[in-house]
Amino acid sequence: MEFIMKKTLVTILIFLSIIALILQFGIRPLEGLLNLKERAGLRVESTPKTKIFIDNKEVGEVPYQEENFSEGEYLISLKDEASGSATLWSGYVKLNGGTLSVVNRDIQKTQALSSGEVITLEKGAGVTIISNPSGAEVLMDGVIIGRTPLIYTEIISGEHQFLLSKDSFLKRTIRATLIDGYNLTLNADLAISEAELTKLPTPPVTALPQVLIKQTPTGFLRVRDKASLNGKEIAQVKPGESLTLLEESGEWFKVRLPDGQEGYISSQYAEKKNQ
């Protein structure tokens, strides 16, 4: 009985201590201590079906949804389902606690013909709309509200339909829901129309030198955003892959990846191919 009373007393003291801390400092300082921060969610969809990599780690294939992320910025990559190596789209997406971020991509044979959007929510109000290219006209629920980039605050919570249009590009329709107390951000890529694509001048083709990735102790080679070991890792390549060589910088090669990203690799683990 005495043991039970002591245990009960300890529990009461702990509870009272937590209440005292909340009254003095508020709930936020306790979030990290007690791991009470809201988790963030991510949904990824694509046409055609792709494999999904998050921070260069394969996590599955579309459709994909996970709601147990820590808040923060993540590198999302969609790769060819068959090979799992060719990157079809890649971008950084911020995941905010208590919200679900959505990545939706329509992948075509060229980047210019591909389209899609990233939809996020963060504390605030209104809607922010960004497009590539900029200058797209935006209709919200059938009413013109401006051109991108656009911040629009005269919007009520609930589901809305956004239509983005620009000359020479295909129209893009996005349905998204605004929640009270949050800012809805739409970041859209528009696809050029095939008719316009045929009108673009074709420059003379000049073959750029290639480098071949050699064997490494780790089985892969990091691609960094600058020619330094302190550079941020933006991708990984595997032995046997060929990359376009853009320039040489001391012990580093500046290369272009198959998805169009540019970065630096150690020249120790790559060799120039004979043209």
Protein backbone atom coordinates (compact mmCIF):
# COMPACT_ATOMS: atom_id res chain seq x y z
CA MET A 1 0.00 0.00 0.00
CA GLU A 2 2.81 2.40 0.89
CA PHE A 3 4.46 1.70 -2.51
CA ILE A 4 1.22 2.49 -4.35
CA MET A 5 0.79 5.76 -2.42
CA LYS A 6 4.36 6.82 -3.25
CA LYS A 7 3.86 5.98 -6.94
CA THR A 8 0.61 7.96 -6.99
CA LEU A 9 2.30 10.90 -5.28
CA VAL A 10 5.14 10.90 -7.85
CA THR A 11 2.63 10.86 -10.71
CA ILE A 12 0.74 13.80 -9.22
CA LEU A 13 3.96 15.77 -8.72
CA ILE A 14 5.02 15.17 -12.35
CA PHE A 15 1.59 16.27 -13.58
CA LEU A 16 1.67 19.42 -11.44
CA SER A 17 5.21 20.21 -12.70
CA ILE A 18 4.05 19.98 -16.32
CA ILE A 19 1.08 22.26 -15.59
CA ALA A 20 3.42 24.76 -13.91
CA LEU A 21 5.77 24.77 -16.91
CA ILE A 22 2.87 25.31 -19.32
CA LEU A 23 1.57 28.21 -17.23
CA GLN A 24 5.02 29.81 -17.08
CA PHE A 25 6.39 29.19 -20.58
CA GLY A 26 3.46 28.01 -22.74
CA ILE A 27 3.10 24.73 -24.59
CA ARG A 28 5.74 25.28 -27.34
CA PRO A 29 8.88 24.67 -25.21
CA LEU A 30 7.44 21.30 -24.23
CA GLU A 31 6.71 20.16 -27.77
CA GLY A 32 10.28 19.12 -28.53
CA LEU A 33 10.84 17.66 -25.03
CA LEU A 34 7.74 15.48 -25.15
CA ASN A 35 7.77 14.92 -28.94
CA LEU A 36 4.34 16.54 -29.27
CA LYS A 37 4.98 18.41 -32.53
CA GLU A 38 2.42 17.75 -35.21
CA ARG A 39 3.60 15.39 -37.92
CA ALA A 40 3.60 16.37 -41.59
CA GLY A 41 2.13 14.47 -44.51
CA LEU A 42 3.04 13.96 -48.17
CA ARG A 43 1.03 12.62 -51.10
CA VAL A 44 2.65 11.97 -54.49
CA GLU A 45 0.85 11.15 -57.73
CA SER A 46 2.18 10.92 -61.28
CA THR A 47 1.30 9.85 -64.78
CA PRO A 48 2.82 7.50 -65.82
CA LYS A 49 3.62 5.45 -62.72
CA THR A 50 7.02 6.22 -61.15
CA LYS A 51 9.24 5.18 -58.27
CA ILE A 52 9.58 7.71 -55.45
CA PHE A 53 12.83 8.70 -53.76
CA ILE A 54 12.94 10.98 -50.72
CA ASP A 55 16.35 12.45 -49.94
CA ASN A 56 17.80 9.90 -52.41
CA LYS A 57 16.19 6.90 -50.64
CA GLU A 58 13.56 4.82 -52.43
CA VAL A 59 10.30 4.76 -50.46
CA GLY A 60 7.84 3.18 -52.90
CA GLU A 61 5.86 4.06 -55.98
CA VAL A 62 2.84 6.20 -56.87
CA PRO A 63 0.26 6.64 -55.60
CA TYR A 64 2.12 7.31 -52.36
CA GLN A 65 0.95 8.83 -49.07
CA GLU A 66 2.70 9.03 -45.71
CA GLU A 67 1.64 11.22 -42.78
CA ASN A 68 4.45 10.68 -40.29
CA PHE A 69 7.19 13.06 -41.46
CA SER A 70 9.03 15.54 -39.29
CA GLU A 71 8.47 19.11 -40.42
CA GLY A 72 11.13 20.28 -42.87
CA GLU A 73 12.29 20.41 -46.48
CA TYR A 74 12.75 17.18 -48.44
CA LEU A 75 14.17 16.35 -51.87
CA ILE A 76 11.49 14.47 -53.79
CA SER A 77 12.56 12.59 -56.94
CA LEU A 78 10.43 10.60 -59.36
CA LYS A 79 12.30 7.96 -61.33
CA ASP A 80 11.49 5.66 -64.21
CA GLU A 81 9.53 2.68 -62.88
CA ALA A 82 11.32 0.15 -65.09
CA SER A 83 14.94 1.12 -64.46
CA GLY A 84 14.65 3.06 -61.21
CA SER A 85 17.64 5.16 -62.29
CA ALA A 86 16.47 7.79 -64.79
CA THR A 87 15.18 10.83 -62.88
CA LEU A 88 12.01 12.18 -64.50
CA TRP A 89 11.39 14.99 -62.01
CA SER A 90 13.07 16.28 -58.87
CA GLY A 91 12.41 19.15 -56.51
CA TYR A 92 12.51 20.29 -52.90
CA VAL A 93 9.17 20.28 -51.06
CA LYS A 94 8.54 21.83 -47.64
CA LEU A 95 6.41 19.71 -45.33
CA ASN A 96 4.63 21.66 -42.59
CA GLY A 97 3.34 20.16 -39.35
CA GLY A 98 -0.35 19.30 -39.28
CA THR A 99 -0.72 19.57 -43.09
CA LEU A 100 -0.61 17.35 -46.16
CA SER A 101 1.59 18.51 -49.06
CA VAL A 102 0.76 17.20 -52.53
CA VAL A 103 3.06 16.57 -55.51
CA ASN A 104 1.28 15.86 -58.80
CA ARG A 105 3.21 15.38 -62.06
CA ASP A 106 2.17 14.70 -65.65
CA ILE A 107 5.41 13.40 -67.17
CA GLN A 108 5.82 13.45 -70.96
CA LYS A 109 8.64 12.58 -73.37
CA THR A 110 10.35 15.96 -72.84
CA GLN A 111 10.56 18.37 -69.91
CA ALA A 112 8.94 21.13 -72.00
CA LEU A 113 5.85 18.95 -72.55
CA SER A 114 5.59 17.90 -68.88
CA SER A 115 3.49 19.68 -66.27
CA GLY A 116 2.40 19.44 -62.66
CA GLU A 117 2.12 21.22 -59.36
CA VAL A 118 3.17 21.18 -55.72
CA ILE A 119 0.45 22.15 -53.23
CA THR A 120 1.34 23.14 -49.66
CA LEU A 121 -0.28 24.76 -46.62
CA GLU A 122 1.44 26.86 -43.99
CA LYS A 123 0.28 29.20 -41.23
CA GLY A 124 -1.15 32.41 -42.68
CA ALA A 125 -4.03 33.40 -44.92
CA GLY A 126 -5.02 33.60 -48.57
CA VAL A 127 -3.52 31.84 -51.58
CA THR A 128 -0.11 32.20 -53.23
CA ILE A 129 0.20 31.07 -56.84
CA ILE A 130 3.51 30.67 -58.69
CA SER A 131 3.94 29.32 -62.19
CA ASN A 132 6.69 28.36 -64.59
CA PRO A 133 6.62 30.31 -66.83
CA SER A 134 5.36 33.33 -64.91
CA GLY A 135 2.69 35.68 -66.24
CA ALA A 136 -0.04 33.03 -66.42
CA GLU A 137 -3.61 34.29 -66.06
CA VAL A 138 -5.39 32.80 -63.03
CA LEU A 139 -9.10 32.09 -62.75
CA MET A 140 -10.41 31.04 -59.36
CA ASP A 141 -13.84 29.41 -59.49
CA GLY A 142 -14.32 30.97 -62.93
CA VAL A 143 -13.31 34.53 -61.95
CA ILE A 144 -10.05 36.19 -63.06
CA ILE A 145 -7.99 37.16 -59.99
CA GLY A 146 -4.67 38.18 -61.62
CA ARG A 147 -1.46 36.85 -63.12
CA THR A 148 1.35 34.84 -61.58
CA PRO A 149 3.21 35.32 -59.34
CA LEU A 150 0.13 36.17 -57.31
CA ILE A 151 -0.89 36.60 -53.67
CA TYR A 152 -4.66 36.75 -53.24
CA THR A 153 -6.32 37.25 -49.86
CA GLU A 154 -9.99 37.69 -50.75
CA ILE A 155 -10.69 33.98 -50.52
CA ILE A 156 -12.79 31.95 -48.10
CA SER A 157 -11.91 28.54 -46.72
CA GLY A 158 -13.07 25.49 -48.61
CA GLU A 159 -12.38 23.77 -51.94
CA HIS A 160 -11.58 25.94 -54.97
CA GLN A 161 -10.74 25.37 -58.62
CA PHE A 162 -7.85 27.28 -60.18
CA LEU A 163 -7.27 27.54 -63.93
CA LEU A 164 -3.86 28.76 -65.15
CA SER A 165 -3.47 29.78 -68.78
CA LYS A 166 -0.78 31.41 -70.89
CA ASP A 167 -0.33 31.81 -74.63
CA SER A 168 1.58 28.91 -76.24
CA PHE A 169 1.10 26.72 -73.14
CA LEU A 170 -1.53 24.16 -72.20
CA LYS A 171 -4.05 25.24 -69.57
CA ARG A 172 -3.64 23.69 -66.13
CA THR A 173 -6.56 23.08 -63.75
CA ILE A 174 -5.86 22.57 -60.04
CA ARG A 175 -8.37 21.76 -57.31
CA ALA A 176 -7.22 22.54 -53.79
CA THR A 177 -8.71 23.20 -50.36
CA LEU A 178 -7.94 26.22 -48.17
CA ILE A 179 -8.17 25.74 -44.40
CA ASP A 180 -8.83 28.59 -41.95
CA GLY A 181 -5.60 29.96 -40.50
CA TYR A 182 -3.45 28.73 -43.39
CA ASN A 183 -1.98 30.07 -46.62
CA LEU A 184 -2.48 27.81 -49.63
CA THR A 185 0.51 27.77 -52.00
CA LEU A 186 0.29 26.43 -55.56
CA ASN A 187 3.54 26.06 -57.49
CA ALA A 188 2.69 24.97 -61.03
CA ASP A 189 4.68 24.02 -64.13
CA LEU A 190 2.88 24.57 -67.43
CA ALA A 191 3.50 22.41 -70.49
CA ILE A 192 4.24 24.05 -73.81
CA SER A 193 1.79 23.05 -76.55
CA GLU A 194 3.18 20.63 -79.14
CA ALA A 195 2.18 23.03 -81.90
CA GLU A 196 4.36 25.73 -80.36
CA LEU A 197 7.19 23.28 -79.70
CA THR A 198 7.56 22.66 -83.43
CA LYS A 199 7.99 26.40 -84.00
CA LEU A 200 10.99 26.72 -81.70
CA PRO A 201 14.28 27.21 -83.57
CA THR A 202 16.57 24.20 -83.45
CA PRO A 203 20.14 25.19 -82.60
CA PRO A 204 23.09 23.34 -84.11
CA VAL A 205 23.90 20.25 -82.10
CA THR A 206 27.33 20.30 -80.48
CA ALA A 207 28.37 17.15 -78.68
CA LEU A 208 29.50 17.90 -75.12
CA PRO A 209 32.17 15.73 -73.53
CA GLN A 210 31.05 12.90 -71.26
CA VAL A 211 32.46 11.44 -68.06
CA LEU A 212 32.10 7.86 -66.87
CA ILE A 213 31.55 7.19 -63.16
CA LYS A 214 34.12 4.73 -61.79
CA GLN A 215 33.80 2.30 -58.90
CA THR A 216 33.65 3.92 -55.44
CA PRO A 217 34.05 2.53 -51.91
CA THR A 218 30.38 3.32 -51.17
CA GLY A 219 28.92 1.99 -54.42
CA PHE A 220 27.74 5.47 -55.42
CA LEU A 221 29.12 8.96 -55.97
CA ARG A 222 27.65 12.09 -54.40
CA VAL A 223 26.75 15.06 -56.57
CA ARG A 224 27.18 18.34 -54.68
CA ASP A 225 25.93 21.88 -55.28
CA LYS A 226 29.47 23.31 -55.20
CA ALA A 227 33.04 22.11 -55.76
CA SER A 228 33.71 21.29 -52.12
CA LEU A 229 33.21 18.45 -49.66
CA ASN A 230 31.12 20.98 -47.72
CA GLY A 231 28.75 21.31 -50.67
CA LYS A 232 25.18 20.09 -50.17
CA GLU A 233 24.39 16.69 -51.65
CA ILE A 234 21.80 17.10 -54.40
CA ALA A 235 21.90 13.61 -55.96
CA GLN A 236 23.77 10.32 -56.17
CA VAL A 237 25.07 8.56 -59.29
CA LYS A 238 26.21 4.97 -59.71
CA PRO A 239 29.35 3.46 -61.25
CA GLY A 240 28.94 2.98 -64.99
CA GLU A 241 26.67 6.00 -65.47
CA SER A 242 27.66 8.62 -68.07
CA LEU A 243 27.19 12.32 -67.36
CA THR A 244 27.67 15.44 -69.45
CA LEU A 245 30.87 17.29 -68.52
CA LEU A 246 30.37 21.07 -68.35
CA GLU A 247 33.70 22.21 -66.92
CA GLU A 248 36.71 21.14 -64.88
CA SER A 249 37.46 22.85 -61.59
CA GLY A 250 40.59 21.50 -59.91
CA GLU A 251 39.71 18.14 -58.40
CA TRP A 252 36.06 18.51 -59.38
CA PHE A 253 34.01 18.03 -62.54
CA LYS A 254 30.92 20.15 -63.08
CA VAL A 255 28.35 17.83 -64.68
CA ARG A 256 24.78 17.79 -65.91
CA LEU A 257 22.54 14.95 -64.74
CA PRO A 258 19.94 13.24 -66.97
CA ASP A 259 17.14 15.26 -65.30
CA GLY A 260 18.87 18.57 -66.14
CA GLN A 261 20.29 19.28 -62.68
CA GLU A 262 23.87 20.56 -62.57
CA GLY A 263 26.37 19.84 -59.83
CA TYR A 264 29.91 18.79 -58.95
CA ILE A 265 31.50 15.36 -58.58
CA SER A 266 34.99 14.35 -57.48
CA SER A 267 37.22 13.83 -60.52
CA GLN A 268 38.94 11.02 -58.57
CA TYR A 269 35.97 8.75 -59.30
CA ALA A 270 35.20 9.81 -62.88
CA GLU A 271 37.06 9.68 -66.17
CA LYS A 272 36.53 11.52 -69.42
CA LYS A 273 35.26 9.36 -72.25
CA ASN A 274 36.84 9.38 -75.68
CA GLN A 275 34.73 11.33 -78.14
